[in-house]
C-alpha atoms as a PDB file:
ATOM      1  CA  MET A   1       0.000   0.000   0.000  1.00  0.00           C
ATOM      2  CA  ASP A   2       1.539   3.324  -0.986  1.00  0.00           C
ATOM      3  CA  PHE A   3       1.428   6.614   0.945  1.00  0.00           C
ATOM      4  CA  LEU A   4      -1.235   8.293  -1.208  1.00  0.00           C
ATOM      5  CA  THR A   5      -3.651   5.391  -0.839  1.00  0.00           C
ATOM      6  CA  LEU A   6      -3.121   5.367   2.919  1.00  0.00           C
ATOM      7  CA  ALA A   7      -3.624   9.145   3.179  1.00  0.00           C
ATOM      8  CA  SER A   8      -6.814   9.163   1.124  1.00  0.00           C
ATOM      9  CA  THR A   9      -8.271   6.137   2.932  1.00  0.00           C
ATOM     10  CA  SER A  10      -7.726   7.592   6.403  1.00  0.00           C
ATOM     11  CA  ALA A  11      -9.125  10.991   5.351  1.00  0.00           C
ATOM     12  CA  GLU A  12     -12.295   9.360   4.028  1.00  0.00           C
ATOM     13  CA  ARG A  13     -13.011   7.825   7.451  1.00  0.00           C
ATOM     14  CA  THR A  14     -12.535  11.087   9.393  1.00  0.00           C
ATOM     15  CA  PRO A  15     -15.542  13.444   9.528  1.00  0.00           C
ATOM     16  CA  ILE A  16     -14.925  16.976   8.284  1.00  0.00           C
ATOM     17  CA  ILE A  17     -16.031  18.486  11.616  1.00  0.00           C
ATOM     18  CA  THR A  18     -13.254  16.567  13.387  1.00  0.00           C
ATOM     19  CA  LEU A  19     -10.658  17.817  10.915  1.00  0.00           C
ATOM     20  CA  LEU A  20     -11.883  21.412  11.305  1.00  0.00           C
ATOM     21  CA  ALA A  21     -11.826  21.118  15.110  1.00  0.00           C
ATOM     22  CA  ILE A  22      -8.225  19.878  14.995  1.00  0.00           C
ATOM     23  CA  THR A  23      -7.284  22.782  12.720  1.00  0.00           C
ATOM     24  CA  VAL A  24      -8.898  25.374  15.005  1.00  0.00           C
ATOM     25  CA  LEU A  25      -7.340  23.895  18.151  1.00  0.00           C
ATOM     26  CA  ALA A  26      -3.907  23.767  16.484  1.00  0.00           C
ATOM     27  CA  GLY A  27      -4.302  27.421  15.537  1.00  0.00           C
ATOM     28  CA  PHE A  28      -5.099  28.406  19.136  1.00  0.00           C
ATOM     29  CA  VAL A  29      -2.205  26.380  20.548  1.00  0.00           C
ATOM     30  CA  GLY A  30       0.185  27.840  17.969  1.00  0.00           C
ATOM     31  CA  PHE A  31      -0.959  31.389  18.738  1.00  0.00           C
ATOM     32  CA  PHE A  32      -0.516  31.009  22.492  1.00  0.00           C
ATOM     33  CA  VAL A  33       2.873  29.316  22.174  1.00  0.00           C
ATOM     34  CA  ILE A  34       4.241  31.962  19.795  1.00  0.00           C
ATOM     35  CA  SER A  35       2.842  34.861  21.833  1.00  0.00           C
ATOM     36  CA  LYS A  36       4.874  33.717  24.858  1.00  0.00           C
ATOM     37  CA  VAL A  37       8.211  33.877  22.990  1.00  0.00           C
ATOM     38  CA  PRO A  38      10.318  36.927  23.941  1.00  0.00           C
ATOM     39  CA  ASN A  39      11.324  39.342  21.186  1.00  0.00           C
ATOM     40  CA  THR A  40      15.013  38.420  21.454  1.00  0.00           C
ATOM     41  CA  LEU A  41      14.264  34.808  20.534  1.00  0.00           C
ATOM     42  CA  HIS A  42      11.654  35.455  17.871  1.00  0.00           C
ATOM     43  CA  THR A  43      13.966  35.879  14.864  1.00  0.00           C
ATOM     44  CA  PRO A  44      16.192  32.838  15.540  1.00  0.00           C
ATOM     45  CA  LEU A  45      13.086  30.725  16.075  1.00  0.00           C
ATOM     46  CA  MET A  46      11.602  32.014  12.821  1.00  0.00           C
ATOM     47  CA  SER A  47      14.741  30.896  11.049  1.00  0.00           C
ATOM     48  CA  ALA A  48      14.306  27.400  12.490  1.00  0.00           C
ATOM     49  CA  THR A  49      10.636  27.244  11.545  1.00  0.00           C
ATOM     50  CA  ASN A  50      11.536  27.826   7.901  1.00  0.00           C
ATOM     51  CA  ALA A  51      12.841  24.267   7.790  1.00  0.00           C
ATOM     52  CA  ILE A  52       9.688  22.947   9.437  1.00  0.00           C
ATOM     53  CA  HIS A  53       7.450  24.837   7.015  1.00  0.00           C
ATOM     54  CA  GLY A  54       9.470  23.464   4.132  1.00  0.00           C
ATOM     55  CA  ILE A  55       8.475  19.978   5.302  1.00  0.00           C
ATOM     56  CA  VAL A  56       4.847  21.080   5.714  1.00  0.00           C
ATOM     57  CA  LEU A  57       4.890  22.535   2.210  1.00  0.00           C
ATOM     58  CA  LEU A  58       6.255  19.297   0.787  1.00  0.00           C
ATOM     59  CA  GLY A  59       3.593  17.320   2.662  1.00  0.00           C
ATOM     60  CA  GLY A  60       0.870  19.563   1.252  1.00  0.00           C
ATOM     61  CA  LEU A  61       2.158  19.073  -2.270  1.00  0.00           C
ATOM     62  CA  ILE A  62       2.270  15.294  -1.803  1.00  0.00           C
ATOM     63  CA  ALA A  63      -1.248  15.284  -0.331  1.00  0.00           C
ATOM     64  CA  MET A  64      -2.466  17.336  -3.312  1.00  0.00           C
ATOM     65  CA  PHE A  65      -1.892  14.325  -5.582  1.00  0.00           C
ATOM     66  CA  GLY A  66      -4.110  12.150  -3.384  1.00  0.00           C
ATOM     67  CA  ALA A  67      -6.945  14.671  -3.033  1.00  0.00           C
ATOM     68  CA  ASP A  68     -10.169  13.758  -4.776  1.00  0.00           C
ATOM     69  CA  ASP A  69     -12.779  16.388  -3.957  1.00  0.00           C
ATOM     70  CA  ALA A  70     -12.697  20.142  -4.548  1.00  0.00           C
ATOM     71  CA  LEU A  71     -12.930  21.106  -0.854  1.00  0.00           C
ATOM     72  CA  THR A  72      -9.817  19.138   0.025  1.00  0.00           C
ATOM     73  CA  LYS A  73      -7.914  20.609  -2.905  1.00  0.00           C
ATOM     74  CA  ALA A  74      -9.003  24.129  -1.946  1.00  0.00           C
ATOM     75  CA  MET A  75      -7.890  23.645   1.658  1.00  0.00           C
ATOM     76  CA  LEU A  76      -4.560  22.272   0.475  1.00  0.00           C
ATOM     77  CA  VAL A  77      -4.028  25.253  -1.829  1.00  0.00           C
ATOM     78  CA  VAL A  78      -4.708  27.622   1.086  1.00  0.00           C
ATOM     79  CA  ALA A  79      -2.359  25.645   3.356  1.00  0.00           C
ATOM     80  CA  ILE A  80       0.383  25.626   0.718  1.00  0.00           C
ATOM     81  CA  ALA A  81      -0.045  29.371   0.128  1.00  0.00           C
ATOM     82  CA  PHE A  82       0.155  30.173   3.868  1.00  0.00           C
ATOM     83  CA  GLY A  83       3.190  27.926   4.250  1.00  0.00           C
ATOM     84  CA  MET A  84       4.912  29.620   1.332  1.00  0.00           C
ATOM     85  CA  ILE A  85       4.151  33.080   2.720  1.00  0.00           C
ATOM     86  CA  ASN A  86       5.615  32.032   6.058  1.00  0.00           C
ATOM     87  CA  ILE A  87       8.760  30.602   4.452  1.00  0.00           C
ATOM     88  CA  VAL A  88       9.423  33.703   2.355  1.00  0.00           C
ATOM     89  CA  GLY A  89       8.687  36.039   5.272  1.00  0.00           C
ATOM     90  CA  GLY A  90      10.961  34.038   7.531  1.00  0.00           C
ATOM     91  CA  PHE A  91      13.839  34.239   5.111  1.00  0.00           C
ATOM     92  CA  LEU A  92      13.312  37.991   4.642  1.00  0.00           C
ATOM     93  CA  VAL A  93      13.301  38.610   8.395  1.00  0.00           C
ATOM     94  CA  THR A  94      16.355  36.393   8.895  1.00  0.00           C
ATOM     95  CA  ASP A  95      18.217  38.213   6.122  1.00  0.00           C
ATOM     96  CA  ARG A  96      17.312  41.565   7.653  1.00  0.00           C
ATOM     97  CA  MET A  97      18.529  40.367  11.056  1.00  0.00           C
ATOM     98  CA  LEU A  98      21.849  39.200   9.603  1.00  0.00           C
ATOM     99  CA  GLU A  99      22.325  42.565   7.873  1.00  0.00           C
ATOM    100  CA  MET A 100      22.284  44.239  11.292  1.00  0.00           C
ATOM    101  CA  PHE A 101      25.374  42.270  12.356  1.00  0.00           C
ATOM    102  CA  LYS A 102      27.518  43.104   9.304  1.00  0.00           C
ATOM    103  CA  LYS A 103      30.281  45.659   9.654  1.00  0.00           C
ATOM    104  CA  LYS A 104      29.469  49.026   8.139  1.00  0.00           C
ATOM    105  CA  ASP A 105      32.069  50.703   5.968  1.00  0.00           C
END
């Protein structure tokens, strides 16, 4: 059994309300965890989360091939877009932070 078959079979057994509840709860947990991070640690942590979001982005692209209905594909497109925005923003902030530590002529 390949990964795409396994992913589509398990998603068919899970009700949509359960998946939405998990998404909302994950959003709340993520918000409260990130809001407790001090400003001095925010930029280094953002740099580390770029790698994690790269994995999430890859997972979304792989799941896109196994998606059958339009709602699932739409949610995956939104998730991939948000992940890409976060990756690009993280790299821009990290680059800006590293510019502050360069010697000025």
